């Protein structure tokens, strides 16, 4: 269980509706296709790199572990919060540009947290690895 002040700081960063902490809301985030389940203490929907950084800083300040959640399609157990803590979910990418090709490179790309693998030029060019 995390302190209420921790949840309040998360809500200051991403807004009240972007932090889930009720028992009912957290049920969907305690498992994937892996056999074990662990309920997180909170789920935070982030929409920009700045919000991710702010959430991680608050987690570090309070000593609360966090795990990132991807598209929810893999069965590895990688997004299960085995030690409790926060699940960081990139609900939507930052509309300011989460995908761009590196200057002077035909093969290197900068991909921002939250960019979906089926969208954008990487998929069109057949370069998605996922």
C-alpha atoms as a PDB file:
ATOM      1  CA  UNK A   1       0.000   0.000   0.000  1.00  0.00           C
ATOM      2  CA  UNK A   2       1.359   3.402  -0.958  1.00  0.00           C
ATOM      3  CA  UNK A   3       0.750   6.630   0.966  1.00  0.00           C
ATOM      4  CA  UNK A   4      -2.072   8.917  -0.181  1.00  0.00           C
ATOM      5  CA  UNK A   5       0.498  11.690  -0.598  1.00  0.00           C
ATOM      6  CA  UNK A   6       2.264   9.545  -3.227  1.00  0.00           C
ATOM      7  CA  UNK A   7      -0.950   9.158  -5.243  1.00  0.00           C
ATOM      8  CA  UNK A   8      -1.650  12.888  -4.849  1.00  0.00           C
ATOM      9  CA  UNK A   9       1.758  13.764  -6.335  1.00  0.00           C
ATOM     10  CA  UNK A  10       1.144  11.421  -9.278  1.00  0.00           C
ATOM     11  CA  UNK A  11      -2.186  13.149  -9.919  1.00  0.00           C
ATOM     12  CA  UNK A  12      -0.483  16.556  -9.897  1.00  0.00           C
ATOM     13  CA  UNK A  13       1.729  15.359 -12.761  1.00  0.00           C
ATOM     14  CA  UNK A  14      -0.770  13.570 -15.024  1.00  0.00           C
ATOM     15  CA  UNK A  15      -4.199  14.670 -13.774  1.00  0.00           C
ATOM     16  CA  UNK A  16      -6.700  12.924 -11.529  1.00  0.00           C
ATOM     17  CA  UNK A  17      -8.337  10.818 -14.252  1.00  0.00           C
ATOM     18  CA  UNK A  18      -4.960   9.423 -15.352  1.00  0.00           C
ATOM     19  CA  UNK A  19      -4.207   7.664 -12.047  1.00  0.00           C
ATOM     20  CA  UNK A  20      -6.057   4.491 -11.082  1.00  0.00           C
ATOM     21  CA  UNK A  21      -5.844   3.252  -7.501  1.00  0.00           C
ATOM     22  CA  UNK A  22      -9.160   1.584  -6.682  1.00  0.00           C
ATOM     23  CA  UNK A  23      -9.280  -2.179  -6.202  1.00  0.00           C
ATOM     24  CA  UNK A  24     -11.703  -2.623  -9.100  1.00  0.00           C
ATOM     25  CA  UNK A  25      -9.627  -0.552 -11.537  1.00  0.00           C
ATOM     26  CA  UNK A  26      -6.391  -2.332 -10.641  1.00  0.00           C
ATOM     27  CA  UNK A  27      -7.704  -5.844 -11.328  1.00  0.00           C
ATOM     28  CA  UNK A  28      -6.943  -5.635 -15.052  1.00  0.00           C
ATOM     29  CA  UNK A  29      -3.328  -4.689 -14.432  1.00  0.00           C
ATOM     30  CA  UNK A  30      -2.303  -7.554 -12.156  1.00  0.00           C
ATOM     31  CA  UNK A  31      -1.750 -10.140 -14.888  1.00  0.00           C
ATOM     32  CA  UNK A  32      -0.972 -10.867 -18.511  1.00  0.00           C
ATOM     33  CA  UNK A  33      -0.651 -14.304 -20.135  1.00  0.00           C
ATOM     34  CA  UNK A  34       1.928 -15.312 -17.489  1.00  0.00           C
ATOM     35  CA  UNK A  35       0.738 -17.673 -14.754  1.00  0.00           C
ATOM     36  CA  UNK A  36       1.351 -15.415 -11.753  1.00  0.00           C
ATOM     37  CA  UNK A  37      -0.580 -12.346 -10.651  1.00  0.00           C
ATOM     38  CA  UNK A  38       0.362  -9.329  -8.547  1.00  0.00           C
ATOM     39  CA  UNK A  39      -1.832  -6.270  -8.059  1.00  0.00           C
ATOM     40  CA  UNK A  40      -0.177  -2.888  -8.576  1.00  0.00           C
ATOM     41  CA  UNK A  41      -0.681  -0.076  -6.095  1.00  0.00           C
ATOM     42  CA  UNK A  42      -1.521   2.336  -8.912  1.00  0.00           C
ATOM     43  CA  UNK A  43      -1.697   2.607 -12.694  1.00  0.00           C
ATOM     44  CA  UNK A  44      -0.593   5.854 -14.304  1.00  0.00           C
ATOM     45  CA  UNK A  45      -1.480   6.816 -17.878  1.00  0.00           C
ATOM     46  CA  UNK A  46       1.223   9.032 -19.361  1.00  0.00           C
ATOM     47  CA  UNK A  47       1.063  11.088 -22.539  1.00  0.00           C
ATOM     48  CA  UNK A  48       4.551  12.556 -22.867  1.00  0.00           C
ATOM     49  CA  UNK A  49       8.172  11.969 -22.010  1.00  0.00           C
ATOM     50  CA  UNK A  50       7.947  14.748 -19.402  1.00  0.00           C
ATOM     51  CA  UNK A  51       5.098  12.936 -17.648  1.00  0.00           C
ATOM     52  CA  UNK A  52       7.085   9.673 -17.647  1.00  0.00           C
ATOM     53  CA  UNK A  53      10.055  11.486 -16.113  1.00  0.00           C
ATOM     54  CA  UNK A  54       7.850  13.121 -13.473  1.00  0.00           C
ATOM     55  CA  UNK A  55       6.207   9.824 -12.496  1.00  0.00           C
ATOM     56  CA  UNK A  56       9.574   8.060 -12.239  1.00  0.00           C
ATOM     57  CA  UNK A  57      10.940  10.888 -10.040  1.00  0.00           C
ATOM     58  CA  UNK A  58       7.982  10.588  -7.666  1.00  0.00           C
ATOM     59  CA  UNK A  59       8.387   6.790  -7.542  1.00  0.00           C
ATOM     60  CA  UNK A  60      12.069   7.207  -6.672  1.00  0.00           C
ATOM     61  CA  UNK A  61      11.270   9.862  -4.052  1.00  0.00           C
ATOM     62  CA  UNK A  62       8.883   7.481  -2.263  1.00  0.00           C
ATOM     63  CA  UNK A  63      10.904   4.303  -2.959  1.00  0.00           C
ATOM     64  CA  UNK A  64       8.031   2.792  -4.966  1.00  0.00           C
ATOM     65  CA  UNK A  65       8.917   0.363  -7.784  1.00  0.00           C
ATOM     66  CA  UNK A  66       7.464   0.821 -11.264  1.00  0.00           C
ATOM     67  CA  UNK A  67       7.077  -1.229 -14.428  1.00  0.00           C
ATOM     68  CA  UNK A  68       6.259   0.045 -17.916  1.00  0.00           C
ATOM     69  CA  UNK A  69       3.336  -1.483 -19.775  1.00  0.00           C
ATOM     70  CA  UNK A  70       3.442  -1.856 -23.531  1.00  0.00           C
ATOM     71  CA  UNK A  71       0.572  -2.757 -25.795  1.00  0.00           C
ATOM     72  CA  UNK A  72      -0.544  -5.587 -23.514  1.00  0.00           C
ATOM     73  CA  UNK A  73      -0.068  -8.204 -26.232  1.00  0.00           C
ATOM     74  CA  UNK A  74       2.914 -10.172 -24.946  1.00  0.00           C
ATOM     75  CA  UNK A  75       2.740 -13.065 -22.494  1.00  0.00           C
ATOM     76  CA  UNK A  76       6.144 -12.774 -20.841  1.00  0.00           C
ATOM     77  CA  UNK A  77       5.172 -11.476 -17.398  1.00  0.00           C
ATOM     78  CA  UNK A  78       7.260  -8.371 -18.067  1.00  0.00           C
ATOM     79  CA  UNK A  79       4.513  -5.969 -17.045  1.00  0.00           C
ATOM     80  CA  UNK A  80       3.410  -7.729 -13.868  1.00  0.00           C
ATOM     81  CA  UNK A  81       4.256  -5.617 -10.807  1.00  0.00           C
ATOM     82  CA  UNK A  82       5.762  -8.479  -8.766  1.00  0.00           C
ATOM     83  CA  UNK A  83       6.819  -6.096  -5.976  1.00  0.00           C
ATOM     84  CA  UNK A  84       3.718  -3.908  -6.150  1.00  0.00           C
ATOM     85  CA  UNK A  85       4.203  -0.304  -7.110  1.00  0.00           C
ATOM     86  CA  UNK A  86       3.142   1.524 -10.230  1.00  0.00           C
ATOM     87  CA  UNK A  87       2.335   0.365 -13.734  1.00  0.00           C
ATOM     88  CA  UNK A  88       3.185   3.139 -16.201  1.00  0.00           C
ATOM     89  CA  UNK A  89       0.915   2.871 -19.231  1.00  0.00           C
ATOM     90  CA  UNK A  90       1.526   5.023 -22.320  1.00  0.00           C
ATOM     91  CA  UNK A  91      -2.152   5.458 -23.120  1.00  0.00           C
ATOM     92  CA  UNK A  92      -1.408   7.762 -26.052  1.00  0.00           C
ATOM     93  CA  UNK A  93       1.850   8.993 -27.549  1.00  0.00           C
ATOM     94  CA  UNK A  94       2.841  12.630 -27.328  1.00  0.00           C
ATOM     95  CA  UNK A  95       1.263  14.275 -30.382  1.00  0.00           C
ATOM     96  CA  UNK A  96       4.368  16.448 -30.655  1.00  0.00           C
ATOM     97  CA  UNK A  97       6.233  13.740 -32.563  1.00  0.00           C
ATOM     98  CA  UNK A  98       7.169  10.418 -31.057  1.00  0.00           C
ATOM     99  CA  UNK A  99       8.884   9.000 -34.154  1.00  0.00           C
ATOM    100  CA  UNK A 100      11.599  10.561 -36.258  1.00  0.00           C
ATOM    101  CA  UNK A 101      14.521   9.398 -38.340  1.00  0.00           C
ATOM    102  CA  UNK A 102      17.993  10.288 -37.072  1.00  0.00           C
ATOM    103  CA  UNK A 103      19.725  13.030 -39.021  1.00  0.00           C
ATOM    104  CA  UNK A 104      22.172  11.666 -41.575  1.00  0.00           C
ATOM    105  CA  UNK A 105      21.125   8.056 -41.075  1.00  0.00           C
ATOM    106  CA  UNK A 106      19.007   5.862 -43.286  1.00  0.00           C
ATOM    107  CA  UNK A 107      18.633   3.205 -40.599  1.00  0.00           C
ATOM    108  CA  UNK A 108      18.498   4.842 -37.154  1.00  0.00           C
ATOM    109  CA  UNK A 109      15.225   6.028 -35.618  1.00  0.00           C
ATOM    110  CA  UNK A 110      14.311   7.821 -32.400  1.00  0.00           C
ATOM    111  CA  UNK A 111      11.145   6.275 -30.985  1.00  0.00           C
ATOM    112  CA  UNK A 112       9.436   7.970 -28.058  1.00  0.00           C
ATOM    113  CA  UNK A 113       7.776   6.010 -25.278  1.00  0.00           C
ATOM    114  CA  UNK A 114       4.155   5.365 -26.270  1.00  0.00           C
ATOM    115  CA  UNK A 115       4.539   5.054 -30.029  1.00  0.00           C
ATOM    116  CA  UNK A 116       2.576   2.085 -31.336  1.00  0.00           C
ATOM    117  CA  UNK A 117       4.518  -0.347 -33.535  1.00  0.00           C
ATOM    118  CA  UNK A 118       1.940  -0.552 -36.314  1.00  0.00           C
ATOM    119  CA  UNK A 119       1.909   3.182 -36.926  1.00  0.00           C
ATOM    120  CA  UNK A 120       4.339   5.266 -38.851  1.00  0.00           C
ATOM    121  CA  UNK A 121       7.113   4.838 -41.374  1.00  0.00           C
ATOM    122  CA  UNK A 122       8.850   1.957 -39.599  1.00  0.00           C
ATOM    123  CA  UNK A 123       5.977  -0.356 -40.363  1.00  0.00           C
ATOM    124  CA  UNK A 124       5.531   0.970 -43.901  1.00  0.00           C
ATOM    125  CA  UNK A 125       9.170   0.194 -44.622  1.00  0.00           C
ATOM    126  CA  UNK A 126       8.954  -3.224 -42.972  1.00  0.00           C
ATOM    127  CA  UNK A 127      11.356  -2.389 -40.175  1.00  0.00           C
ATOM    128  CA  UNK A 128       9.238  -3.154 -37.152  1.00  0.00           C
ATOM    129  CA  UNK A 129      10.687  -5.862 -34.988  1.00  0.00           C
ATOM    130  CA  UNK A 130       7.574  -6.473 -32.903  1.00  0.00           C
END
